[in-house]
Protein backbone atom coordinates (compact mmCIF):
# COMPACT_ATOMS: atom_id res chain seq x y z
CA MET A 1 -0.30 15.59 -32.95
CA SER A 2 1.89 14.38 -30.10
CA GLN A 3 2.11 10.70 -29.21
CA GLU A 4 -0.42 9.39 -26.71
CA ILE A 5 1.16 8.62 -23.34
CA ARG A 6 0.67 4.95 -22.45
CA THR A 7 1.90 3.41 -19.20
CA ARG A 8 1.42 -0.03 -17.76
CA PHE A 9 1.33 -1.93 -14.50
CA ALA A 10 2.44 -5.49 -15.08
CA PRO A 11 2.38 -7.58 -11.90
CA SER A 12 3.19 -11.27 -11.65
CA PRO A 13 0.48 -13.32 -9.87
CA THR A 14 2.96 -14.96 -7.53
CA GLY A 15 1.84 -13.64 -4.13
CA TYR A 16 0.28 -10.76 -2.27
CA VAL A 17 0.29 -7.19 -3.55
CA HIS A 18 2.73 -5.22 -1.41
CA VAL A 19 3.30 -1.49 -1.08
CA GLY A 20 6.14 -1.45 -3.60
CA ASN A 21 3.91 -2.99 -6.28
CA ILE A 22 1.14 -0.50 -5.70
CA ARG A 23 3.45 2.52 -5.57
CA THR A 24 4.66 1.45 -9.03
CA ALA A 25 1.06 1.17 -10.21
CA LEU A 26 0.20 4.55 -8.73
CA PHE A 27 3.10 6.38 -10.35
CA ALA A 28 2.36 4.77 -13.71
CA TYR A 29 -1.30 5.74 -13.32
CA LEU A 30 -0.42 9.34 -12.46
CA VAL A 31 1.92 9.72 -15.43
CA ALA A 32 -0.81 8.51 -17.77
CA ARG A 33 -3.65 10.51 -16.25
CA ALA A 34 -1.59 13.71 -15.99
CA ALA A 35 -1.05 13.56 -19.74
CA GLY A 36 -4.56 12.45 -20.63
CA GLY A 37 -3.15 9.09 -21.71
CA LYS A 38 -3.91 5.42 -21.09
CA PHE A 39 -3.09 3.19 -18.11
CA ILE A 40 -2.80 -0.50 -19.02
CA LEU A 41 -2.95 -3.53 -16.72
CA ARG A 42 -1.02 -6.56 -17.94
CA ILE A 43 -0.63 -9.86 -16.10
CA GLU A 44 2.86 -11.34 -16.46
CA ASP A 45 2.01 -14.93 -15.56
CA THR A 46 4.79 -16.93 -17.23
CA ASP A 47 6.42 -18.02 -13.96
CA ARG A 48 4.24 -21.08 -13.49
CA ASN A 49 6.35 -22.50 -10.66
CA ARG A 50 5.44 -19.56 -8.41
CA PHE A 51 1.91 -19.00 -9.72
CA VAL A 52 -0.71 -18.32 -7.01
CA PRO A 53 -4.30 -18.87 -8.26
CA ASP A 54 -5.95 -16.01 -6.31
CA ALA A 55 -3.14 -13.49 -6.78
CA GLU A 56 -4.59 -11.91 -9.93
CA LYS A 57 -7.96 -11.36 -8.30
CA MET A 58 -6.15 -9.67 -5.42
CA VAL A 59 -4.46 -7.32 -7.88
CA LEU A 60 -7.75 -6.36 -9.52
CA ASP A 61 -9.53 -5.98 -6.18
CA THR A 62 -6.73 -3.81 -4.79
CA LEU A 63 -6.60 -1.47 -7.77
CA THR A 64 -10.39 -1.19 -7.72
CA TRP A 65 -10.42 -0.41 -3.98
CA LEU A 66 -7.82 2.31 -4.51
CA GLY A 67 -9.69 3.80 -7.45
CA LEU A 68 -6.85 3.20 -9.93
CA GLU A 69 -9.00 2.39 -12.93
CA TRP A 70 -7.22 0.85 -15.88
CA ASP A 71 -8.17 1.54 -19.50
CA GLU A 72 -7.09 -1.79 -20.97
CA GLY A 73 -6.52 -5.22 -19.50
CA PRO A 74 -8.35 -7.95 -17.58
CA THR A 75 -11.84 -7.09 -16.42
CA LEU A 76 -13.43 -7.83 -13.06
CA ASP A 77 -15.84 -10.30 -14.66
CA GLY A 78 -13.03 -12.46 -16.04
CA GLY A 79 -12.92 -10.97 -19.55
CA GLU A 80 -10.43 -8.65 -21.24
CA ALA A 81 -10.89 -5.23 -22.77
CA GLY A 82 -8.62 -3.32 -25.12
CA PRO A 83 -7.17 -3.31 -28.63
CA TYR A 84 -4.08 -5.35 -27.69
CA ALA A 85 -5.75 -8.30 -25.97
CA PRO A 86 -4.95 -10.77 -24.62
CA TYR A 87 -3.35 -9.08 -21.62
CA HIS A 88 -2.13 -12.31 -20.02
CA GLN A 89 1.32 -13.37 -21.20
CA THR A 90 0.47 -17.08 -21.16
CA ALA A 91 -2.15 -16.33 -23.83
CA ARG A 92 0.31 -14.47 -26.07
CA LYS A 93 2.68 -17.29 -27.03
CA THR A 94 2.00 -16.94 -30.77
CA ILE A 95 2.96 -13.26 -30.55
CA TYR A 96 6.28 -14.08 -28.87
CA LYS A 97 6.94 -16.79 -31.46
CA LYS A 98 6.49 -14.19 -34.22
CA TRP A 99 9.04 -11.84 -32.66
CA ALA A 100 11.40 -14.74 -31.92
CA ASP A 101 11.30 -15.80 -35.55
CA LYS A 102 12.26 -12.25 -36.48
CA LEU A 103 15.38 -12.49 -34.36
CA ILE A 104 16.24 -15.94 -35.69
CA ALA A 105 15.95 -14.69 -39.27
CA ALA A 106 18.28 -11.80 -38.43
CA GLY A 107 20.83 -14.15 -36.88
CA ARG A 108 20.23 -12.72 -33.42
CA ALA A 109 18.81 -15.80 -31.68
CA TYR A 110 19.81 -19.45 -31.56
CA ALA A 111 18.84 -22.77 -30.04
CA ASP A 112 20.69 -23.33 -26.79
CA PRO A 113 22.49 -26.71 -27.11
CA TYR A 114 23.71 -26.97 -23.53
CA THR A 115 22.15 -28.81 -20.62
CA PRO A 116 21.73 -27.05 -17.25
CA ARG A 117 24.56 -29.20 -15.93
CA GLN A 118 26.92 -28.04 -18.68
CA ILE A 119 26.04 -24.40 -18.02
CA GLN A 120 26.76 -24.90 -14.34
CA GLU A 121 30.16 -26.31 -15.24
CA PHE A 122 30.86 -23.11 -17.21
CA ARG A 123 29.90 -21.08 -14.15
CA ASP A 124 32.10 -23.15 -11.89
CA LEU A 125 35.03 -22.70 -14.27
CA ALA A 126 34.57 -18.91 -14.26
CA THR A 127 34.47 -18.95 -10.48
CA HIS A 128 37.63 -21.07 -10.35
CA ASN A 129 39.41 -18.63 -12.66
CA LYS A 130 38.06 -15.68 -10.65
CA GLN A 131 36.31 -14.29 -13.70
CA PRO A 132 32.72 -13.13 -14.19
CA PHE A 133 30.56 -15.70 -15.92
CA LEU A 134 29.35 -14.65 -19.36
CA TYR A 135 27.34 -17.10 -21.39
CA ARG A 136 28.50 -15.50 -24.62
CA ASP A 137 32.04 -16.71 -23.86
CA HIS A 138 30.67 -20.22 -24.46
CA ARG A 139 28.40 -19.38 -27.37
CA PRO A 140 28.35 -22.34 -29.80
CA THR A 141 29.78 -21.73 -33.26
CA THR A 142 27.05 -23.78 -34.91
CA THR A 143 23.61 -24.80 -33.70
CA GLU A 144 20.67 -26.83 -34.93
CA PRO A 145 17.51 -25.01 -36.06
CA TRP A 146 15.32 -24.13 -33.11
CA ASP A 147 12.32 -26.46 -32.86
CA GLY A 148 11.03 -25.39 -29.47
CA SER A 149 12.39 -28.41 -27.59
CA THR A 150 15.33 -26.41 -26.23
CA PRO A 151 15.57 -22.84 -24.94
CA LEU A 152 15.94 -20.05 -27.48
CA ARG A 153 18.75 -17.71 -26.52
CA PHE A 154 19.43 -14.13 -27.62
CA LYS A 155 22.68 -13.54 -29.50
CA SER A 156 23.86 -10.31 -27.95
CA GLU A 157 26.13 -7.71 -29.47
CA PRO A 158 28.54 -6.71 -26.69
CA LYS A 159 28.83 -2.95 -26.61
CA SER A 160 28.57 -0.01 -24.25
CA HIS A 161 25.18 1.54 -23.62
CA ALA A 162 24.19 4.95 -22.34
CA TRP A 163 20.66 6.07 -21.62
CA HIS A 164 18.65 8.64 -19.71
CA ASP A 165 16.39 7.59 -16.89
CA ALA A 166 13.52 9.95 -16.05
CA ILE A 167 14.26 9.51 -12.34
CA MET A 168 17.87 8.35 -12.04
CA GLY A 169 19.30 10.64 -14.72
CA ASP A 170 22.04 9.70 -17.21
CA LEU A 171 23.26 6.12 -16.84
CA SER A 172 25.68 3.94 -18.72
CA ALA A 173 27.26 0.49 -18.72
CA GLY A 174 30.11 -1.18 -20.54
CA ALA A 175 30.11 -4.18 -22.84
CA GLU A 176 30.74 -6.50 -19.90
CA ALA A 177 27.13 -5.94 -18.80
CA VAL A 178 25.74 -7.42 -22.03
CA ASP A 179 25.25 -11.17 -22.38
CA ASP A 180 23.27 -13.84 -24.20
CA PHE A 181 20.05 -14.59 -22.28
CA ILE A 182 17.14 -16.93 -22.76
CA LEU A 183 14.20 -15.58 -24.76
CA ILE A 184 11.87 -18.58 -24.73
CA LYS A 185 12.12 -21.52 -22.37
CA SER A 186 11.86 -25.16 -23.37
CA ASP A 187 8.26 -25.20 -22.08
CA GLY A 188 7.35 -22.69 -24.77
CA LEU A 189 6.85 -19.78 -22.41
CA PRO A 190 8.91 -16.60 -22.77
CA THR A 191 11.16 -15.22 -20.08
CA TYR A 192 10.40 -11.87 -18.49
CA ASN A 193 13.43 -10.38 -20.27
CA PHE A 194 11.86 -11.10 -23.64
CA ALA A 195 8.12 -11.00 -23.03
CA HIS A 196 7.89 -7.60 -21.39
CA ILE A 197 9.81 -5.95 -24.22
CA VAL A 198 7.66 -7.58 -26.88
CA ASP A 199 4.50 -6.62 -25.01
CA ASP A 200 5.64 -3.03 -24.48
CA CYS A 201 6.36 -2.74 -28.20
CA GLU A 202 3.07 -4.35 -29.23
CA MET A 203 1.02 -2.29 -26.77
CA LYS A 204 2.81 0.95 -27.69
CA ILE A 205 3.93 1.65 -24.12
CA THR A 206 5.65 5.04 -23.96
CA HIS A 207 6.82 5.01 -20.32
CA VAL A 208 8.13 2.02 -18.36
CA ILE A 209 8.01 2.73 -14.64
CA ARG A 210 9.44 0.08 -12.32
CA GLY A 211 11.80 -0.58 -9.43
CA GLN A 212 15.51 0.22 -9.50
CA GLU A 213 16.42 -3.48 -9.31
CA PHE A 214 15.91 -3.61 -13.08
CA ILE A 215 18.62 -1.05 -13.83
CA SER A 216 21.35 -3.69 -13.94
CA SER A 217 19.47 -5.48 -16.75
CA MET A 218 19.04 -2.35 -18.86
CA PRO A 219 22.11 -3.00 -21.11
CA ASN A 220 20.62 -6.35 -22.13
CA TYR A 221 17.22 -4.79 -22.71
CA LEU A 222 18.67 -2.01 -24.86
CA ASN A 223 20.67 -4.57 -26.81
CA LEU A 224 17.46 -6.45 -27.52
CA TYR A 225 15.58 -3.30 -28.55
CA GLU A 226 18.33 -2.62 -31.10
CA ALA A 227 18.19 -6.18 -32.42
CA LEU A 228 14.43 -5.87 -32.86
CA GLY A 229 14.77 -2.50 -34.55
CA GLU A 230 12.47 -0.90 -31.98
CA GLU A 231 12.76 2.48 -30.28
CA PRO A 232 12.93 2.07 -26.48
CA PRO A 233 10.30 3.81 -24.35
CA ILE A 234 11.10 6.32 -21.62
CA PHE A 235 12.41 4.51 -18.55
CA ALA A 236 11.84 5.59 -14.96
CA HIS A 237 13.35 3.41 -12.25
CA MET A 238 12.06 4.16 -8.78
CA PRO A 239 14.22 3.90 -5.67
CA HIS A 240 13.46 1.24 -3.09
CA ILE A 241 11.01 1.67 -0.26
CA LEU A 242 13.12 1.30 2.87
CA ASN A 243 12.23 -0.05 6.29
CA SER A 244 11.28 2.27 9.14
CA ILE A 245 14.92 2.69 10.15
CA GLY A 246 15.95 3.47 6.58
CA ASN A 247 18.88 1.07 6.45
CA LYS A 248 17.57 -1.57 4.01
CA LYS A 249 14.83 -2.39 1.55
CA LEU A 250 11.45 -2.97 3.16
CA GLY A 251 10.72 -6.68 3.48
CA LYS A 252 8.40 -9.10 5.23
CA ARG A 253 10.74 -9.26 8.21
CA ASP A 254 10.23 -5.51 8.63
CA GLY A 255 6.48 -5.94 8.86
CA ALA A 256 5.72 -5.30 5.19
CA LYS A 257 2.12 -6.25 4.57
CA SER A 258 -0.24 -6.75 1.70
CA ILE A 259 -2.27 -3.71 0.69
CA THR A 260 -5.37 -5.78 1.42
CA ASP A 261 -4.14 -6.23 5.01
CA TYR A 262 -4.11 -2.45 5.40
CA ARG A 263 -7.61 -2.29 3.96
CA ASP A 264 -8.80 -4.94 6.43
CA ASP A 265 -7.06 -3.05 9.24
CA GLY A 266 -9.31 -0.06 8.61
CA PHE A 267 -7.16 2.17 6.40
CA LEU A 268 -8.88 4.29 3.77
CA PRO A 269 -7.86 4.12 0.10
CA GLU A 270 -7.43 7.90 0.02
CA ALA A 271 -4.89 7.72 2.85
CA MET A 272 -3.01 4.80 1.29
CA LEU A 273 -2.70 6.61 -2.07
CA ASN A 274 -1.68 9.82 -0.32
CA PHE A 275 0.97 7.94 1.67
CA LEU A 276 2.38 5.94 -1.25
CA ALA A 277 2.65 9.07 -3.40
CA SER A 278 4.76 10.70 -0.71
CA LEU A 279 7.26 7.83 -0.72
CA GLY A 280 9.89 9.46 -2.90
CA TRP A 281 7.79 12.27 -4.41
CA ASN A 282 6.81 15.76 -3.32
CA ASP A 283 5.40 18.75 -5.17
CA GLY A 284 7.89 21.22 -3.68
CA THR A 285 5.39 22.70 -1.22
CA GLU A 286 4.46 22.05 2.41
CA GLN A 287 1.20 20.37 1.39
CA GLU A 288 0.75 16.92 2.94
CA ILE A 289 -2.84 15.95 2.17
CA PHE A 290 -3.47 15.13 -1.50
CA SER A 291 -6.56 13.70 -3.14
CA LEU A 292 -6.12 11.50 -6.18
CA ASP A 293 -7.27 14.36 -8.43
CA GLU A 294 -4.69 16.66 -6.84
CA LEU A 295 -1.98 14.07 -7.38
CA VAL A 296 -2.91 13.79 -11.04
CA ALA A 297 -2.76 17.57 -11.39
CA LYS A 298 0.59 17.95 -9.61
CA PHE A 299 2.54 14.76 -10.37
CA ASP A 300 5.75 14.91 -12.36
CA LEU A 301 8.47 12.26 -12.57
CA SER A 302 11.11 14.97 -12.32
CA ARG A 303 10.14 15.46 -8.67
CA VAL A 304 10.72 11.82 -7.71
CA GLY A 305 13.86 11.50 -5.61
CA ARG A 306 16.72 9.14 -6.40
CA SER A 307 17.28 7.90 -2.86
CA GLY A 308 15.19 5.35 -1.01
CA ALA A 309 12.04 6.45 0.82
CA ARG A 310 11.53 5.34 4.44
CA PHE A 311 8.27 3.52 5.20
CA ASP A 312 6.93 5.34 8.25
CA GLU A 313 3.75 3.56 9.31
CA LYS A 314 3.10 6.16 12.02
CA ARG A 315 2.75 8.75 9.27
CA LEU A 316 0.35 6.47 7.42
CA VAL A 317 -1.78 6.23 10.57
CA TRP A 318 -1.72 10.01 10.92
CA LEU A 319 -2.72 10.51 7.30
CA ASN A 320 -5.53 8.01 7.72
CA GLY A 321 -6.85 9.95 10.69
CA GLN A 322 -6.81 13.12 8.62
CA TRP A 323 -8.81 11.45 5.86
CA VAL A 324 -11.30 10.00 8.36
CA LYS A 325 -11.98 13.54 9.59
CA ARG A 326 -12.58 14.72 6.03
CA LEU A 327 -15.37 12.23 5.37
CA SER A 328 -18.96 13.26 5.80
CA LEU A 329 -20.75 11.40 8.58
CA ASP A 330 -22.88 9.56 6.02
CA GLU A 331 -19.83 8.44 4.05
CA LEU A 332 -17.96 7.40 7.18
CA TYR A 333 -20.99 5.44 8.38
CA VAL A 334 -21.04 3.46 5.13
CA ARG A 335 -17.33 2.72 5.22
CA ALA A 336 -17.38 1.73 8.88
CA ALA A 337 -20.14 -0.83 8.39
CA GLU A 338 -17.88 -3.87 8.83
CA PHE A 339 -15.86 -2.50 11.74
CA TRP A 340 -18.43 -2.11 14.55
CA GLY A 341 -18.00 -4.23 17.66
CA GLU A 342 -20.24 -6.99 18.97
CA HIS A 343 -22.54 -4.84 21.11
CA SER A 344 -22.80 -1.93 18.68
CA ARG A 345 -24.00 -4.22 15.91
CA ALA A 346 -27.15 -4.86 17.93
CA ALA A 347 -27.93 -1.14 18.15
CA GLY A 348 -30.00 0.86 15.70
CA ASP A 349 -28.65 3.02 12.89
CA ASP A 350 -29.55 6.30 14.63
CA GLU A 351 -27.76 5.28 17.82
CA ARG A 352 -24.63 4.22 15.94
CA ARG A 353 -24.62 7.43 13.92
CA LYS A 354 -24.73 9.54 17.08
CA VAL A 355 -21.80 7.63 18.54
CA LEU A 356 -19.85 7.82 15.29
CA ALA A 357 -20.31 11.58 15.16
CA VAL A 358 -18.76 11.86 18.61
CA VAL A 359 -15.74 9.60 17.98
CA GLN A 360 -14.95 10.62 14.38
CA GLU A 361 -12.31 13.16 15.39
CA ARG A 362 -10.43 10.50 17.35
CA LEU A 363 -10.55 7.64 14.84
CA LYS A 364 -7.13 6.83 13.41
CA THR A 365 -8.29 3.72 11.56
CA LEU A 366 -11.72 2.18 11.17
CA ALA A 367 -10.45 -0.79 13.17
CA ASP A 368 -10.29 1.55 16.20
CA LEU A 369 -14.07 1.75 16.17
CA PRO A 370 -14.82 -1.04 18.70
CA SER A 371 -12.34 0.23 21.29
CA LEU A 372 -13.76 3.76 20.93
CA THR A 373 -17.44 2.86 20.90
CA GLU A 374 -18.30 -0.45 22.56
CA TYR A 375 -18.63 1.19 25.99
CA PHE A 376 -21.47 3.33 24.63
CA PHE A 377 -23.52 0.21 23.90
CA ALA A 378 -22.63 -2.02 26.86
CA ARG A 379 -21.46 -1.21 30.37
CA PRO A 380 -17.74 -2.02 30.52
CA THR A 381 -16.00 -4.10 33.19
CA PRO A 382 -13.86 -1.98 35.54
CA ASP A 383 -10.13 -2.41 35.05
CA TRP A 384 -8.24 -0.64 37.81
CA THR A 385 -4.89 -1.58 36.29
CA MET A 386 -5.55 1.19 33.78
CA VAL A 387 -5.79 3.64 36.69
CA ASP A 388 -2.73 2.19 38.39
CA ASP A 389 -0.72 2.53 35.18
CA ASN A 390 -1.73 6.16 34.72
CA LYS A 391 1.23 8.41 35.57
CA GLN A 392 -0.86 10.76 37.72
CA LEU A 393 -3.78 8.66 38.96
CA GLY A 394 -1.48 5.80 39.91
CA LYS A 395 0.11 7.96 42.60
CA ILE A 396 -3.20 8.66 44.38
CA PRO A 397 -4.71 6.19 46.91
CA ARG A 398 -7.74 4.44 45.49
CA ASP A 399 -10.03 5.53 48.34
CA GLU A 400 -9.30 9.17 47.49
CA LEU A 401 -10.19 8.53 43.87
CA LEU A 402 -13.41 6.79 44.89
CA GLU A 403 -14.28 9.75 47.08
CA LEU A 404 -13.83 12.09 44.11
CA LEU A 405 -16.20 9.91 42.10
CA LYS A 406 -18.82 10.00 44.87
CA ILE A 407 -18.66 13.79 45.02
CA ALA A 408 -18.95 14.00 41.23
CA ARG A 409 -21.86 11.58 41.12
CA ASN A 410 -23.79 13.45 43.82
CA ALA A 411 -23.20 16.82 42.10
CA LEU A 412 -24.25 15.49 38.73
CA ALA A 413 -27.35 13.86 40.24
CA GLU A 414 -28.60 17.32 41.15
CA MET A 415 -28.81 18.26 37.48
CA ALA A 416 -32.16 18.00 35.73
CA ILE A 417 -32.35 15.88 32.62
CA THR A 418 -33.14 19.03 30.61
CA ASP A 419 -29.74 20.41 31.65
CA TRP A 420 -27.92 17.30 30.41
CA THR A 421 -26.17 19.00 27.49
CA GLU A 422 -22.50 19.19 26.60
CA GLU A 423 -22.29 22.90 27.43
CA ILE A 424 -23.95 22.66 30.84
CA LEU A 425 -22.08 19.48 31.69
CA GLN A 426 -18.78 21.21 30.95
CA SER A 427 -19.79 24.05 33.24
CA LYS A 428 -20.70 21.57 36.00
CA LEU A 429 -17.39 19.75 35.64
CA ASN A 430 -15.55 23.05 35.94
CA GLU A 431 -17.46 23.77 39.15
CA LEU A 432 -16.39 20.37 40.49
CA LEU A 433 -12.76 21.32 39.92
CA GLU A 434 -13.28 24.29 42.23
CA THR A 435 -15.22 22.44 44.93
CA THR A 436 -12.81 19.49 45.05
CA GLY A 437 -9.63 21.46 44.51
CA SER A 438 -8.59 18.78 42.06
CA LYS A 439 -6.88 19.10 38.70
CA PRO A 440 -8.50 18.26 35.33
CA ALA A 441 -5.94 15.49 34.75
CA ILE A 442 -7.09 13.89 38.01
CA LEU A 443 -10.81 14.54 38.32
CA PHE A 444 -11.74 14.30 34.65
CA SER A 445 -9.55 11.26 34.08
CA ILE A 446 -11.03 9.21 36.92
CA ILE A 447 -14.57 10.09 35.82
CA ARG A 448 -13.70 9.10 32.27
CA TYR A 449 -12.33 5.74 33.42
CA ALA A 450 -15.41 5.11 35.54
CA LEU A 451 -17.65 5.73 32.53
CA THR A 452 -15.68 4.00 29.75
CA TRP A 453 -12.76 1.96 31.12
CA ALA A 454 -11.10 2.67 27.78
CA ALA A 455 -7.62 3.91 26.95
CA PHE A 456 -9.08 6.62 24.74
CA SER A 457 -12.48 8.26 24.53
CA PRO A 458 -14.12 11.45 23.26
CA GLY A 459 -14.28 14.56 25.46
CA LEU A 460 -15.92 13.99 28.82
CA PRO A 461 -18.98 16.25 28.26
CA GLU A 462 -19.62 14.60 24.87
CA THR A 463 -19.33 11.15 26.40
CA MET A 464 -21.68 11.97 29.28
CA ALA A 465 -24.23 13.63 27.00
CA LEU A 466 -24.27 10.61 24.71
CA LEU A 467 -24.52 8.09 27.56
CA GLY A 468 -27.37 10.09 29.06
CA ARG A 469 -28.08 11.10 32.64
CA GLU A 470 -29.29 7.78 34.02
CA GLU A 471 -26.51 5.66 32.52
CA THR A 472 -23.82 8.15 33.55
CA LEU A 473 -25.02 8.16 37.15
CA ALA A 474 -25.44 4.38 37.15
CA ARG A 475 -21.85 3.84 36.01
CA LEU A 476 -20.49 6.26 38.57
CA SER A 477 -22.53 4.52 41.27
CA SER A 478 -21.31 1.06 40.30
CA THR A 479 -17.71 2.25 40.46
CA ALA A 480 -18.02 4.21 43.73
CA PRO A 481 -21.06 2.95 45.69
CA ASN A 482 -22.39 5.02 48.56
CA ASP A 483 -20.95 2.76 51.25
CA VAL A 484 -17.34 3.27 50.12
């Protein structure tokens, strides 16, 4: 029987969950699910100086919102589930001590006798001599037994290393990349370099998927695996997510946001997963819309590119619009519950549903809902600057536009309420084009502004049908009164 595939997502609770974190989680999830394996969530919380109390909850909430269910790890109710608990590194100190003792017994770890000031002097000397700093060049010949009051440092074996990366291909590094590094700090907590390897061994992780910034540390990691007598897992280092220009790694200065910010801005989890999967991966076809089930069925690390992927937020918005269209009206109504505007909240469910059905095709994000719907529930205030800024309407004198509105209002007033349907309204509007000699971009646009005073709105017949005969005529009258 083949080995069970086990992947992990191991965030540090030191801040918000950004797109790079979640892409890592997604790829690890897909590798596990594609093979029928297990996806583990582990909290690497040993950096107490940067610890943010609510950061772990944000991780759990984000994964839950996205539908990336983990098989082992912290639970939403504050517990832990899985055969290798605890899944918080701060609760695993006795485990790290056991593995540290193994290295000490093998002569591969020693108590660090130097103060931070002395180590800095070694660094300064290397800089003065224009040489790279290697701690092993200053390794003490004899040390006292480690009692936990000083850092425990790994005694490396300088040698060349070569390995295969599931994304980056065959890689190698010389002995100069291997050095003695701290395993356990003087506060008793392990460093990332030690803890994640111990945890991966203990939890039987088969695939380590993470960012390419860890590649430079791989020689040290492989050296430690050898010292522990453990077989390394399969490594897959993902290229950076780049800014919109594509010239550097995406950062806060480039507008990088927390995944929860995108959620609060009205993006759907399906669209976010679809978008993140496309950052560096494709299935070799022209398909652009993928459900999570489709991603699981199609995903393969061999199709992840080695170069950075550009973060194109416009594409994310487009994808979100596509997923909004795919939702049933009932599902969209549930998801849009928190995004209605002030006036629409006072309306009834049936009224809101009718409006939602009309605007669904034009929604890019759920946060667009107020700007696309508020004018259905409350008469908007005219804003002629919108007309003035319009490339075509802005060239026409306002009195001519008002005259067009009067003609339209009078023609529409002749229609019976039983004729107030989208089909008949469209026919009437087409007749108005002939009688006025106007163009659709002129006549239809000025009517639309008079009814909605919005930058975007549904089709004119749909808007008029939903507003109803009396409200449509009233809005046209208030914009172009008879005495104009």
